[in-house]
């Protein structure tokens, strides 16, 4: 009763694929996943950079919201302000930062799950957050015109 069940055919993976459903059938090539120390290094670097990206995104979002203080000088004599442009930059800026953060996290996690190199995508996300911050700064600065 305790005897193991016997297989009545070739072992799995032995011989040619009888159904022709292997990787060659669907046009896929075998990938060489990251293994060993490279895999661990990629995982550690990706997680550390994701933490830094989250901190950077929080700082950039709050910084963009604080740019609305630039409109306090609109009441000064000789100053003019384009409130619509500045307000839209202050409103849309943190939303774009959040979208970049979420997209970077999703892409990085998907690549880590598939055992592909992920840390360069986090660096691209960090650069995109910096670009959004400076774009919002440029728009807010151009919406306030200082007089005399």
C-alpha atoms as a PDB file:
ATOM      1  CA  UNK A   1       0.000   0.000   0.000  1.00  0.00           C
ATOM      2  CA  UNK A   2       2.850   2.367   0.665  1.00  0.00           C
ATOM      3  CA  UNK A   3       4.507   1.765  -2.685  1.00  0.00           C
ATOM      4  CA  UNK A   4       5.083   4.921  -4.788  1.00  0.00           C
ATOM      5  CA  UNK A   5       3.073   5.333  -7.959  1.00  0.00           C
ATOM      6  CA  UNK A   6       4.915   4.330 -11.133  1.00  0.00           C
ATOM      7  CA  UNK A   7       5.072   6.547 -14.171  1.00  0.00           C
ATOM      8  CA  UNK A   8       4.012   4.834 -17.329  1.00  0.00           C
ATOM      9  CA  UNK A   9       5.877   6.989 -19.805  1.00  0.00           C
ATOM     10  CA  UNK A  10       8.953   9.079 -20.245  1.00  0.00           C
ATOM     11  CA  UNK A  11       9.830  11.467 -17.441  1.00  0.00           C
ATOM     12  CA  UNK A  12       8.706  15.056 -17.706  1.00  0.00           C
ATOM     13  CA  UNK A  13      11.071  17.079 -19.817  1.00  0.00           C
ATOM     14  CA  UNK A  14      12.634  14.025 -21.403  1.00  0.00           C
ATOM     15  CA  UNK A  15      12.653  13.689 -25.174  1.00  0.00           C
ATOM     16  CA  UNK A  16      10.952  15.827 -27.781  1.00  0.00           C
ATOM     17  CA  UNK A  17       7.734  17.636 -27.004  1.00  0.00           C
ATOM     18  CA  UNK A  18       4.972  15.423 -28.473  1.00  0.00           C
ATOM     19  CA  UNK A  19       2.488  18.290 -28.831  1.00  0.00           C
ATOM     20  CA  UNK A  20       4.935  20.757 -30.301  1.00  0.00           C
ATOM     21  CA  UNK A  21       3.993  23.337 -27.698  1.00  0.00           C
ATOM     22  CA  UNK A  22       7.500  24.187 -26.533  1.00  0.00           C
ATOM     23  CA  UNK A  23       9.147  27.607 -26.669  1.00  0.00           C
ATOM     24  CA  UNK A  24      10.088  27.217 -30.336  1.00  0.00           C
ATOM     25  CA  UNK A  25       6.459  26.655 -31.275  1.00  0.00           C
ATOM     26  CA  UNK A  26       5.365  30.091 -30.018  1.00  0.00           C
ATOM     27  CA  UNK A  27       8.464  31.980 -31.139  1.00  0.00           C
ATOM     28  CA  UNK A  28       9.784  32.549 -27.641  1.00  0.00           C
ATOM     29  CA  UNK A  29      13.427  32.364 -26.875  1.00  0.00           C
ATOM     30  CA  UNK A  30      14.809  31.114 -23.622  1.00  0.00           C
ATOM     31  CA  UNK A  31      15.762  33.978 -21.316  1.00  0.00           C
ATOM     32  CA  UNK A  32      18.647  33.897 -18.944  1.00  0.00           C
ATOM     33  CA  UNK A  33      17.218  35.302 -15.719  1.00  0.00           C
ATOM     34  CA  UNK A  34      19.374  37.077 -13.216  1.00  0.00           C
ATOM     35  CA  UNK A  35      20.738  34.541 -10.810  1.00  0.00           C
ATOM     36  CA  UNK A  36      22.769  34.453  -7.654  1.00  0.00           C
ATOM     37  CA  UNK A  37      24.565  37.571  -6.504  1.00  0.00           C
ATOM     38  CA  UNK A  38      23.377  39.682  -9.440  1.00  0.00           C
ATOM     39  CA  UNK A  39      19.757  38.936  -8.530  1.00  0.00           C
ATOM     40  CA  UNK A  40      20.298  39.849  -4.876  1.00  0.00           C
ATOM     41  CA  UNK A  41      22.186  43.019  -5.797  1.00  0.00           C
ATOM     42  CA  UNK A  42      19.424  44.086  -8.190  1.00  0.00           C
ATOM     43  CA  UNK A  43      16.762  43.436  -5.552  1.00  0.00           C
ATOM     44  CA  UNK A  44      18.609  45.399  -2.861  1.00  0.00           C
ATOM     45  CA  UNK A  45      19.426  48.289  -5.199  1.00  0.00           C
ATOM     46  CA  UNK A  46      15.870  48.448  -6.523  1.00  0.00           C
ATOM     47  CA  UNK A  47      14.303  48.494  -3.067  1.00  0.00           C
ATOM     48  CA  UNK A  48      16.739  51.115  -1.772  1.00  0.00           C
ATOM     49  CA  UNK A  49      16.154  53.308  -4.814  1.00  0.00           C
ATOM     50  CA  UNK A  50      12.377  52.891  -4.500  1.00  0.00           C
ATOM     51  CA  UNK A  51      12.565  54.139  -0.914  1.00  0.00           C
ATOM     52  CA  UNK A  52      14.619  57.143  -2.084  1.00  0.00           C
ATOM     53  CA  UNK A  53      12.163  57.746  -4.934  1.00  0.00           C
ATOM     54  CA  UNK A  54       9.253  57.774  -2.483  1.00  0.00           C
ATOM     55  CA  UNK A  55      11.013  60.294  -0.243  1.00  0.00           C
ATOM     56  CA  UNK A  56      11.931  62.397  -3.278  1.00  0.00           C
ATOM     57  CA  UNK A  57       8.344  62.313  -4.571  1.00  0.00           C
ATOM     58  CA  UNK A  58       6.961  63.406  -1.196  1.00  0.00           C
ATOM     59  CA  UNK A  59       9.439  66.279  -1.001  1.00  0.00           C
ATOM     60  CA  UNK A  60       8.724  67.340  -4.591  1.00  0.00           C
ATOM     61  CA  UNK A  61       4.957  67.201  -4.068  1.00  0.00           C
ATOM     62  CA  UNK A  62       5.110  69.334  -0.947  1.00  0.00           C
ATOM     63  CA  UNK A  63       7.579  71.691  -2.618  1.00  0.00           C
ATOM     64  CA  UNK A  64       5.238  72.218  -5.543  1.00  0.00           C
ATOM     65  CA  UNK A  65       2.336  72.890  -3.177  1.00  0.00           C
ATOM     66  CA  UNK A  66       4.478  75.433  -1.314  1.00  0.00           C
ATOM     67  CA  UNK A  67       5.120  77.246  -4.591  1.00  0.00           C
ATOM     68  CA  UNK A  68       1.659  78.728  -4.194  1.00  0.00           C
ATOM     69  CA  UNK A  69       3.251  81.111  -1.686  1.00  0.00           C
ATOM     70  CA  UNK A  70       4.746  82.935  -4.677  1.00  0.00           C
ATOM     71  CA  UNK A  71       1.318  84.482  -5.254  1.00  0.00           C
ATOM     72  CA  UNK A  72       1.525  86.407  -1.985  1.00  0.00           C
ATOM     73  CA  UNK A  73       3.549  89.028  -3.844  1.00  0.00           C
ATOM     74  CA  UNK A  74       0.712  89.655  -6.300  1.00  0.00           C
ATOM     75  CA  UNK A  75      -0.744  92.324  -4.012  1.00  0.00           C
ATOM     76  CA  UNK A  76       2.454  94.386  -4.142  1.00  0.00           C
ATOM     77  CA  UNK A  77       2.325  97.481  -6.365  1.00  0.00           C
ATOM     78  CA  UNK A  78       3.679  96.853  -9.858  1.00  0.00           C
ATOM     79  CA  UNK A  79       3.443  93.051  -9.682  1.00  0.00           C
ATOM     80  CA  UNK A  80       1.120  91.138 -11.967  1.00  0.00           C
ATOM     81  CA  UNK A  81       0.158  87.490 -11.738  1.00  0.00           C
ATOM     82  CA  UNK A  82      -1.356  84.954 -14.066  1.00  0.00           C
ATOM     83  CA  UNK A  83      -3.262  83.112 -11.364  1.00  0.00           C
ATOM     84  CA  UNK A  84      -4.747  80.523 -13.735  1.00  0.00           C
ATOM     85  CA  UNK A  85      -1.354  79.329 -14.982  1.00  0.00           C
ATOM     86  CA  UNK A  86       0.212  79.283 -11.525  1.00  0.00           C
ATOM     87  CA  UNK A  87      -2.758  77.608  -9.903  1.00  0.00           C
ATOM     88  CA  UNK A  88      -2.880  74.892 -12.552  1.00  0.00           C
ATOM     89  CA  UNK A  89       0.861  74.240 -12.149  1.00  0.00           C
ATOM     90  CA  UNK A  90       0.493  73.987  -8.364  1.00  0.00           C
ATOM     91  CA  UNK A  91      -2.516  71.677  -8.711  1.00  0.00           C
ATOM     92  CA  UNK A  92      -1.333  69.392 -11.526  1.00  0.00           C
ATOM     93  CA  UNK A  93       2.315  69.160 -10.370  1.00  0.00           C
ATOM     94  CA  UNK A  94       1.766  66.905  -7.327  1.00  0.00           C
ATOM     95  CA  UNK A  95      -0.630  64.737  -9.349  1.00  0.00           C
ATOM     96  CA  UNK A  96       2.063  64.194 -11.996  1.00  0.00           C
ATOM     97  CA  UNK A  97       4.603  63.405  -9.280  1.00  0.00           C
ATOM     98  CA  UNK A  98       2.231  60.781  -7.837  1.00  0.00           C
ATOM     99  CA  UNK A  99       1.625  59.276 -11.296  1.00  0.00           C
ATOM    100  CA  UNK A 100       5.383  59.006 -11.915  1.00  0.00           C
ATOM    101  CA  UNK A 101       5.890  57.417  -8.483  1.00  0.00           C
ATOM    102  CA  UNK A 102       3.150  54.818  -8.962  1.00  0.00           C
ATOM    103  CA  UNK A 103       4.253  54.012 -12.522  1.00  0.00           C
ATOM    104  CA  UNK A 104       7.856  53.549 -11.398  1.00  0.00           C
ATOM    105  CA  UNK A 105       6.832  51.263  -8.544  1.00  0.00           C
ATOM    106  CA  UNK A 106       4.579  49.161 -10.788  1.00  0.00           C
ATOM    107  CA  UNK A 107       7.203  48.787 -13.529  1.00  0.00           C
ATOM    108  CA  UNK A 108       9.919  47.951 -11.007  1.00  0.00           C
ATOM    109  CA  UNK A 109       7.832  45.347  -9.179  1.00  0.00           C
ATOM    110  CA  UNK A 110       6.755  43.713 -12.445  1.00  0.00           C
ATOM    111  CA  UNK A 111      10.358  43.502 -13.606  1.00  0.00           C
ATOM    112  CA  UNK A 112      11.500  42.103 -10.257  1.00  0.00           C
ATOM    113  CA  UNK A 113       8.789  39.442 -10.380  1.00  0.00           C
ATOM    114  CA  UNK A 114       9.864  38.478 -13.900  1.00  0.00           C
ATOM    115  CA  UNK A 115      13.500  38.378 -12.716  1.00  0.00           C
ATOM    116  CA  UNK A 116      14.583  41.164 -15.030  1.00  0.00           C
ATOM    117  CA  UNK A 117      16.892  44.078 -14.256  1.00  0.00           C
ATOM    118  CA  UNK A 118      14.810  46.746 -12.480  1.00  0.00           C
ATOM    119  CA  UNK A 119      16.948  49.442 -10.869  1.00  0.00           C
ATOM    120  CA  UNK A 120      17.479  51.562 -14.030  1.00  0.00           C
ATOM    121  CA  UNK A 121      13.734  52.137 -14.243  1.00  0.00           C
ATOM    122  CA  UNK A 122      13.742  53.576 -10.734  1.00  0.00           C
ATOM    123  CA  UNK A 123      16.463  56.016 -11.801  1.00  0.00           C
ATOM    124  CA  UNK A 124      14.311  57.065 -14.755  1.00  0.00           C
ATOM    125  CA  UNK A 125      11.452  57.665 -12.312  1.00  0.00           C
ATOM    126  CA  UNK A 126      13.711  59.787 -10.103  1.00  0.00           C
ATOM    127  CA  UNK A 127      14.755  61.889 -13.083  1.00  0.00           C
ATOM    128  CA  UNK A 128      11.100  62.284 -14.118  1.00  0.00           C
ATOM    129  CA  UNK A 129      10.151  63.543 -10.632  1.00  0.00           C
ATOM    130  CA  UNK A 130      12.957  66.115 -10.811  1.00  0.00           C
ATOM    131  CA  UNK A 131      11.771  67.174 -14.283  1.00  0.00           C
ATOM    132  CA  UNK A 132       8.177  67.600 -13.070  1.00  0.00           C
ATOM    133  CA  UNK A 133       9.364  69.664 -10.100  1.00  0.00           C
ATOM    134  CA  UNK A 134      11.452  72.011 -12.218  1.00  0.00           C
ATOM    135  CA  UNK A 135       8.689  72.246 -14.828  1.00  0.00           C
ATOM    136  CA  UNK A 136       6.235  73.343 -12.141  1.00  0.00           C
ATOM    137  CA  UNK A 137       8.816  75.781 -10.770  1.00  0.00           C
ATOM    138  CA  UNK A 138       9.290  77.269 -14.226  1.00  0.00           C
ATOM    139  CA  UNK A 139       5.542  77.653 -14.755  1.00  0.00           C
ATOM    140  CA  UNK A 140       4.948  79.243 -11.356  1.00  0.00           C
ATOM    141  CA  UNK A 141       7.914  81.567 -11.794  1.00  0.00           C
ATOM    142  CA  UNK A 142       6.704  82.668 -15.229  1.00  0.00           C
ATOM    143  CA  UNK A 143       3.190  83.328 -13.893  1.00  0.00           C
ATOM    144  CA  UNK A 144       4.428  85.971 -11.413  1.00  0.00           C
ATOM    145  CA  UNK A 145       5.827  89.145 -12.987  1.00  0.00           C
ATOM    146  CA  UNK A 146       7.698  91.413 -10.610  1.00  0.00           C
ATOM    147  CA  UNK A 147       7.313  95.123 -11.180  1.00  0.00           C
ATOM    148  CA  UNK A 148       9.701  97.851 -10.233  1.00  0.00           C
END
